Amino acid sequence: MNSTARYPMVSYEEATPEVQTIYDDTKKTLQLPFVLNWFKCQGDNATLLKGNWSKLKNTLMEGEVPNVLKQLIIYNVSKQRGCSYCSHAHGIFADSMSAMISEEKGFKATENMNSPSMPASFRTAVKIVTSAALNHNEVSDQDFAELEKAGFSKKEIQELMAQADLVNMLNTIADVSGIKIDNELLETPE
């Protein structure tokens, strides 16, 4: 058990069969050989875990918007908000997909958010959705028009804005639970 976590960290072996089924789905969907601490800190409450995993899975892993862009949005919001767990984890996930953005040798998406190698549409989406996540009451029609001008359909814009809601949930659970970054993620080769 992680001594700094405020919730019980339920390992795969300690989990109920219902929670193990959800853990299995997280590993399969995220293509990870282990269960992330973000899920383990909810493993004591199958109902909560099931609902939060469903929202994460459908909002982050499904849809029209490339996953790498969604990961960059979550990384950027988390970094600006100071959520070290989410900025670290989603930074690793985004960087692991950097080749989908640029074939430049050594290109890391998180280090090139504002570089010319990053598609203009991605830069626009990250900027506007980060603002929406941090100050949702300041979202304007102008922001939606800017996303349309950048080439996003109305459906894609709705999906992008859903990332603002998702990252707020991700950051809140990570921060209030007191979880630390997974050792397995720290060991991930660059």
C-alpha atoms as a PDB file:
ATOM      1  CA  MET A   1       0.000   0.000   0.000  1.00  0.00           C
ATOM      2  CA  ASN A   2       1.265   3.466  -0.928  1.00  0.00           C
ATOM      3  CA  SER A   3       1.740   5.254   2.399  1.00  0.00           C
ATOM      4  CA  THR A   4       1.169   8.719   0.905  1.00  0.00           C
ATOM      5  CA  ALA A   5      -2.151   7.907  -0.742  1.00  0.00           C
ATOM      6  CA  ARG A   6      -5.309   9.015   1.039  1.00  0.00           C
ATOM      7  CA  TYR A   7      -7.343   6.156  -0.383  1.00  0.00           C
ATOM      8  CA  PRO A   8      -6.491   2.465  -0.192  1.00  0.00           C
ATOM      9  CA  MET A   9      -4.317   1.458  -3.146  1.00  0.00           C
ATOM     10  CA  VAL A  10      -5.938  -1.785  -4.244  1.00  0.00           C
ATOM     11  CA  SER A  11      -3.556  -4.028  -6.150  1.00  0.00           C
ATOM     12  CA  TYR A  12      -4.769  -6.398  -8.821  1.00  0.00           C
ATOM     13  CA  GLU A  13      -4.319  -9.379  -6.491  1.00  0.00           C
ATOM     14  CA  GLU A  14      -6.294  -7.714  -3.669  1.00  0.00           C
ATOM     15  CA  ALA A  15      -9.126  -6.524  -5.925  1.00  0.00           C
ATOM     16  CA  THR A  16     -12.581  -8.058  -6.117  1.00  0.00           C
ATOM     17  CA  PRO A  17     -13.421  -9.958  -9.317  1.00  0.00           C
ATOM     18  CA  GLU A  18     -15.543  -6.995 -10.487  1.00  0.00           C
ATOM     19  CA  VAL A  19     -12.629  -4.582  -9.987  1.00  0.00           C
ATOM     20  CA  GLN A  20     -10.182  -7.038 -11.606  1.00  0.00           C
ATOM     21  CA  THR A  21     -12.414  -7.056 -14.701  1.00  0.00           C
ATOM     22  CA  ILE A  22     -12.219  -3.248 -14.868  1.00  0.00           C
ATOM     23  CA  TYR A  23      -8.462  -3.347 -14.247  1.00  0.00           C
ATOM     24  CA  ASP A  24      -8.110  -5.855 -17.111  1.00  0.00           C
ATOM     25  CA  ASP A  25     -10.033  -3.509 -19.409  1.00  0.00           C
ATOM     26  CA  THR A  26      -7.823  -0.540 -18.442  1.00  0.00           C
ATOM     27  CA  LYS A  27      -4.672  -2.518 -19.210  1.00  0.00           C
ATOM     28  CA  LYS A  28      -6.031  -3.796 -22.533  1.00  0.00           C
ATOM     29  CA  THR A  29      -7.397  -0.421 -23.650  1.00  0.00           C
ATOM     30  CA  LEU A  30      -4.366   1.599 -22.588  1.00  0.00           C
ATOM     31  CA  GLN A  31      -1.988  -1.137 -23.796  1.00  0.00           C
ATOM     32  CA  LEU A  32      -0.186  -1.268 -20.453  1.00  0.00           C
ATOM     33  CA  PRO A  33       1.061  -4.408 -18.677  1.00  0.00           C
ATOM     34  CA  PHE A  34       0.123  -2.938 -15.270  1.00  0.00           C
ATOM     35  CA  VAL A  35      -2.719  -1.081 -13.528  1.00  0.00           C
ATOM     36  CA  LEU A  36      -2.136   2.649 -13.123  1.00  0.00           C
ATOM     37  CA  ASN A  37      -2.214   4.130  -9.607  1.00  0.00           C
ATOM     38  CA  TRP A  38      -5.066   6.406 -10.757  1.00  0.00           C
ATOM     39  CA  PHE A  39      -7.252   3.298 -11.008  1.00  0.00           C
ATOM     40  CA  LYS A  40      -5.821   1.533  -7.961  1.00  0.00           C
ATOM     41  CA  CYS A  41      -6.805   4.446  -5.703  1.00  0.00           C
ATOM     42  CA  GLN A  42     -10.417   3.820  -6.763  1.00  0.00           C
ATOM     43  CA  GLY A  43     -10.209   0.014  -6.531  1.00  0.00           C
ATOM     44  CA  ASP A  44     -11.940   0.018  -3.163  1.00  0.00           C
ATOM     45  CA  ASN A  45     -15.121   1.373  -4.794  1.00  0.00           C
ATOM     46  CA  ALA A  46     -16.187  -0.639  -7.856  1.00  0.00           C
ATOM     47  CA  THR A  47     -19.115   1.681  -8.654  1.00  0.00           C
ATOM     48  CA  LEU A  48     -16.935   4.789  -8.706  1.00  0.00           C
ATOM     49  CA  LEU A  49     -14.144   3.043 -10.612  1.00  0.00           C
ATOM     50  CA  LYS A  50     -16.564   1.696 -13.215  1.00  0.00           C
ATOM     51  CA  GLY A  51     -18.127   5.119 -13.831  1.00  0.00           C
ATOM     52  CA  ASN A  52     -14.834   7.002 -13.968  1.00  0.00           C
ATOM     53  CA  TRP A  53     -13.221   4.397 -16.230  1.00  0.00           C
ATOM     54  CA  SER A  54     -16.214   4.493 -18.577  1.00  0.00           C
ATOM     55  CA  LYS A  55     -15.983   8.280 -18.833  1.00  0.00           C
ATOM     56  CA  LEU A  56     -12.210   8.206 -19.341  1.00  0.00           C
ATOM     57  CA  LYS A  57     -12.362   5.372 -21.873  1.00  0.00           C
ATOM     58  CA  ASN A  58     -15.116   6.932 -23.971  1.00  0.00           C
ATOM     59  CA  THR A  59     -13.846  10.513 -23.807  1.00  0.00           C
ATOM     60  CA  LEU A  60     -10.120   9.876 -24.228  1.00  0.00           C
ATOM     61  CA  MET A  61      -9.877   6.647 -26.209  1.00  0.00           C
ATOM     62  CA  GLU A  62     -12.881   6.880 -28.561  1.00  0.00           C
ATOM     63  CA  GLY A  63     -13.936   9.434 -31.157  1.00  0.00           C
ATOM     64  CA  GLU A  64     -12.666  11.390 -34.129  1.00  0.00           C
ATOM     65  CA  VAL A  65      -9.962  13.540 -32.501  1.00  0.00           C
ATOM     66  CA  PRO A  66      -6.507  11.892 -32.503  1.00  0.00           C
ATOM     67  CA  ASN A  67      -5.575  10.450 -29.120  1.00  0.00           C
ATOM     68  CA  VAL A  68      -2.203  12.191 -29.188  1.00  0.00           C
ATOM     69  CA  LEU A  69      -3.966  15.583 -29.296  1.00  0.00           C
ATOM     70  CA  LYS A  70      -6.210  14.601 -26.381  1.00  0.00           C
ATOM     71  CA  GLN A  71      -3.140  13.472 -24.416  1.00  0.00           C
ATOM     72  CA  LEU A  72      -1.402  16.793 -25.149  1.00  0.00           C
ATOM     73  CA  ILE A  73      -4.424  18.726 -23.900  1.00  0.00           C
ATOM     74  CA  ILE A  74      -4.543  16.715 -20.670  1.00  0.00           C
ATOM     75  CA  TYR A  75      -0.782  17.082 -20.255  1.00  0.00           C
ATOM     76  CA  ASN A  76      -0.899  20.853 -20.812  1.00  0.00           C
ATOM     77  CA  VAL A  77      -3.833  21.518 -18.478  1.00  0.00           C
ATOM     78  CA  SER A  78      -2.342  19.266 -15.797  1.00  0.00           C
ATOM     79  CA  LYS A  79       1.030  20.989 -16.064  1.00  0.00           C
ATOM     80  CA  GLN A  80      -0.509  24.458 -15.818  1.00  0.00           C
ATOM     81  CA  ARG A  81      -2.678  23.400 -12.890  1.00  0.00           C
ATOM     82  CA  GLY A  82       0.260  21.720 -11.131  1.00  0.00           C
ATOM     83  CA  CYS A  83      -1.142  18.179 -11.079  1.00  0.00           C
ATOM     84  CA  SER A  84       2.163  16.310 -11.135  1.00  0.00           C
ATOM     85  CA  TYR A  85       0.636  12.830 -11.491  1.00  0.00           C
ATOM     86  CA  CYS A  86      -1.428  13.673 -14.586  1.00  0.00           C
ATOM     87  CA  SER A  87       1.153  15.936 -16.228  1.00  0.00           C
ATOM     88  CA  HIS A  88       3.802  13.242 -15.827  1.00  0.00           C
ATOM     89  CA  ALA A  89       1.635  10.304 -16.945  1.00  0.00           C
ATOM     90  CA  HIS A  90      -0.052  12.051 -19.887  1.00  0.00           C
ATOM     91  CA  GLY A  91       3.266  13.617 -20.903  1.00  0.00           C
ATOM     92  CA  ILE A  92       4.718  10.104 -21.190  1.00  0.00           C
ATOM     93  CA  PHE A  93       1.686   8.932 -23.185  1.00  0.00           C
ATOM     94  CA  ALA A  94       1.797  11.965 -25.521  1.00  0.00           C
ATOM     95  CA  ASP A  95       5.547  11.669 -26.067  1.00  0.00           C
ATOM     96  CA  SER A  96       5.186   7.962 -26.858  1.00  0.00           C
ATOM     97  CA  MET A  97       2.937   9.011 -29.784  1.00  0.00           C
ATOM     98  CA  SER A  98       5.151  11.872 -30.998  1.00  0.00           C
ATOM     99  CA  ALA A  99       5.919  10.092 -34.280  1.00  0.00           C
ATOM    100  CA  MET A 100       2.252  10.572 -35.219  1.00  0.00           C
ATOM    101  CA  ILE A 101       2.917  14.325 -35.234  1.00  0.00           C
ATOM    102  CA  SER A 102       6.429  14.669 -36.636  1.00  0.00           C
ATOM    103  CA  GLU A 103       9.068  12.378 -38.089  1.00  0.00           C
ATOM    104  CA  GLU A 104      11.844  14.666 -36.804  1.00  0.00           C
ATOM    105  CA  LYS A 105      14.479  12.658 -34.978  1.00  0.00           C
ATOM    106  CA  GLY A 106      14.139  13.097 -31.226  1.00  0.00           C
ATOM    107  CA  PHE A 107      10.859  15.021 -31.547  1.00  0.00           C
ATOM    108  CA  LYS A 108       8.916  15.046 -28.261  1.00  0.00           C
ATOM    109  CA  ALA A 109       5.410  16.448 -28.458  1.00  0.00           C
ATOM    110  CA  THR A 110       5.473  17.857 -24.923  1.00  0.00           C
ATOM    111  CA  GLU A 111       8.679  19.792 -25.604  1.00  0.00           C
ATOM    112  CA  ASN A 112       7.468  21.153 -28.961  1.00  0.00           C
ATOM    113  CA  MET A 113       3.944  22.332 -28.168  1.00  0.00           C
ATOM    114  CA  ASN A 114       4.533  25.701 -29.855  1.00  0.00           C
ATOM    115  CA  SER A 115       7.056  24.668 -32.497  1.00  0.00           C
ATOM    116  CA  PRO A 116       6.364  24.827 -36.242  1.00  0.00           C
ATOM    117  CA  SER A 117       6.578  21.005 -36.214  1.00  0.00           C
ATOM    118  CA  MET A 118       3.336  20.904 -34.222  1.00  0.00           C
ATOM    119  CA  PRO A 119       0.312  21.229 -36.537  1.00  0.00           C
ATOM    120  CA  ALA A 120      -1.341  24.645 -36.231  1.00  0.00           C
ATOM    121  CA  SER A 121      -4.685  22.955 -35.568  1.00  0.00           C
ATOM    122  CA  PHE A 122      -3.162  21.096 -32.578  1.00  0.00           C
ATOM    123  CA  ARG A 123      -1.675  24.334 -31.185  1.00  0.00           C
ATOM    124  CA  THR A 124      -5.066  26.030 -31.499  1.00  0.00           C
ATOM    125  CA  ALA A 125      -6.919  23.143 -29.856  1.00  0.00           C
ATOM    126  CA  VAL A 126      -4.447  22.878 -26.957  1.00  0.00           C
ATOM    127  CA  LYS A 127      -4.636  26.633 -26.319  1.00  0.00           C
ATOM    128  CA  ILE A 128      -8.430  26.887 -26.406  1.00  0.00           C
ATOM    129  CA  VAL A 129      -9.246  23.671 -24.551  1.00  0.00           C
ATOM    130  CA  THR A 130      -6.647  24.426 -21.873  1.00  0.00           C
ATOM    131  CA  SER A 131      -8.325  27.780 -21.359  1.00  0.00           C
ATOM    132  CA  ALA A 132     -11.738  26.056 -21.225  1.00  0.00           C
ATOM    133  CA  ALA A 133     -10.514  23.602 -18.581  1.00  0.00           C
ATOM    134  CA  LEU A 134      -8.972  26.323 -16.420  1.00  0.00           C
ATOM    135  CA  ASN A 135     -11.662  28.998 -16.930  1.00  0.00           C
ATOM    136  CA  HIS A 136     -14.752  27.338 -18.398  1.00  0.00           C
ATOM    137  CA  ASN A 137     -16.886  30.433 -17.812  1.00  0.00           C
ATOM    138  CA  GLU A 138     -14.675  32.393 -20.212  1.00  0.00           C
ATOM    139  CA  VAL A 139     -15.247  30.156 -23.266  1.00  0.00           C
ATOM    140  CA  SER A 140     -16.626  32.259 -26.116  1.00  0.00           C
ATOM    141  CA  ASP A 141     -18.242  31.872 -29.503  1.00  0.00           C
ATOM    142  CA  GLN A 142     -14.934  33.233 -30.845  1.00  0.00           C
ATOM    143  CA  ASP A 143     -13.175  30.150 -29.407  1.00  0.00           C
ATOM    144  CA  PHE A 144     -15.578  27.840 -31.247  1.00  0.00           C
ATOM    145  CA  ALA A 145     -15.128  29.855 -34.464  1.00  0.00           C
ATOM    146  CA  GLU A 146     -11.335  29.615 -34.087  1.00  0.00           C
ATOM    147  CA  LEU A 147     -11.541  25.826 -33.693  1.00  0.00           C
ATOM    148  CA  GLU A 148     -13.771  25.587 -36.800  1.00  0.00           C
ATOM    149  CA  LYS A 149     -11.327  27.788 -38.724  1.00  0.00           C
ATOM    150  CA  ALA A 150      -8.525  25.412 -37.617  1.00  0.00           C
ATOM    151  CA  GLY A 151     -10.411  22.610 -39.389  1.00  0.00           C
ATOM    152  CA  PHE A 152     -12.356  20.909 -36.602  1.00  0.00           C
ATOM    153  CA  SER A 153     -15.945  19.815 -37.230  1.00  0.00           C
ATOM    154  CA  LYS A 154     -18.700  20.620 -34.711  1.00  0.00           C
ATOM    155  CA  LYS A 155     -18.546  17.018 -33.500  1.00  0.00           C
ATOM    156  CA  GLU A 156     -14.766  17.222 -33.046  1.00  0.00           C
ATOM    157  CA  ILE A 157     -15.104  20.522 -31.174  1.00  0.00           C
ATOM    158  CA  GLN A 158     -17.573  18.916 -28.800  1.00  0.00           C
ATOM    159  CA  GLU A 159     -15.109  16.057 -28.314  1.00  0.00           C
ATOM    160  CA  LEU A 160     -12.242  18.503 -27.703  1.00  0.00           C
ATOM    161  CA  MET A 161     -14.266  20.413 -25.116  1.00  0.00           C
ATOM    162  CA  ALA A 162     -15.073  17.110 -23.390  1.00  0.00           C
ATOM    163  CA  GLN A 163     -11.323  16.854 -22.703  1.00  0.00           C
ATOM    164  CA  ALA A 164     -11.627  20.005 -20.550  1.00  0.00           C
ATOM    165  CA  ASP A 165     -14.179  18.215 -18.377  1.00  0.00           C
ATOM    166  CA  LEU A 166     -12.215  14.963 -18.368  1.00  0.00           C
ATOM    167  CA  VAL A 167      -8.931  16.557 -17.305  1.00  0.00           C
ATOM    168  CA  ASN A 168     -10.684  18.306 -14.422  1.00  0.00           C
ATOM    169  CA  MET A 169     -11.913  14.913 -13.176  1.00  0.00           C
ATOM    170  CA  LEU A 170      -8.511  13.295 -13.715  1.00  0.00           C
ATOM    171  CA  ASN A 171      -6.657  16.080 -11.880  1.00  0.00           C
ATOM    172  CA  THR A 172      -9.125  16.208  -8.998  1.00  0.00           C
ATOM    173  CA  ILE A 173      -8.941  12.465  -8.309  1.00  0.00           C
ATOM    174  CA  ALA A 174      -5.142  12.399  -8.654  1.00  0.00           C
ATOM    175  CA  ASP A 175      -4.613  15.383  -6.374  1.00  0.00           C
ATOM    176  CA  VAL A 176      -7.151  14.582  -3.652  1.00  0.00           C
ATOM    177  CA  SER A 177      -6.071  10.938  -3.488  1.00  0.00           C
ATOM    178  CA  GLY A 178      -2.412  11.852  -3.011  1.00  0.00           C
ATOM    179  CA  ILE A 179      -1.190   9.224  -5.503  1.00  0.00           C
ATOM    180  CA  LYS A 180       2.361   9.266  -6.821  1.00  0.00           C
ATOM    181  CA  ILE A 181       3.513   8.528 -10.359  1.00  0.00           C
ATOM    182  CA  ASP A 182       3.663   4.820 -11.139  1.00  0.00           C
ATOM    183  CA  ASN A 183       7.123   3.264 -10.851  1.00  0.00           C
ATOM    184  CA  GLU A 184       6.371   1.362 -14.072  1.00  0.00           C
ATOM    185  CA  LEU A 185       5.895   4.683 -15.929  1.00  0.00           C
ATOM    186  CA  LEU A 186       9.143   6.058 -14.535  1.00  0.00           C
ATOM    187  CA  GLU A 187      10.908   2.985 -15.919  1.00  0.00           C
ATOM    188  CA  THR A 188       9.445   3.464 -19.399  1.00  0.00           C
ATOM    189  CA  PRO A 189      12.313   3.815 -21.898  1.00  0.00           C
ATOM    190  CA  GLU A 190      12.534   7.137 -23.730  1.00  0.00           C
END
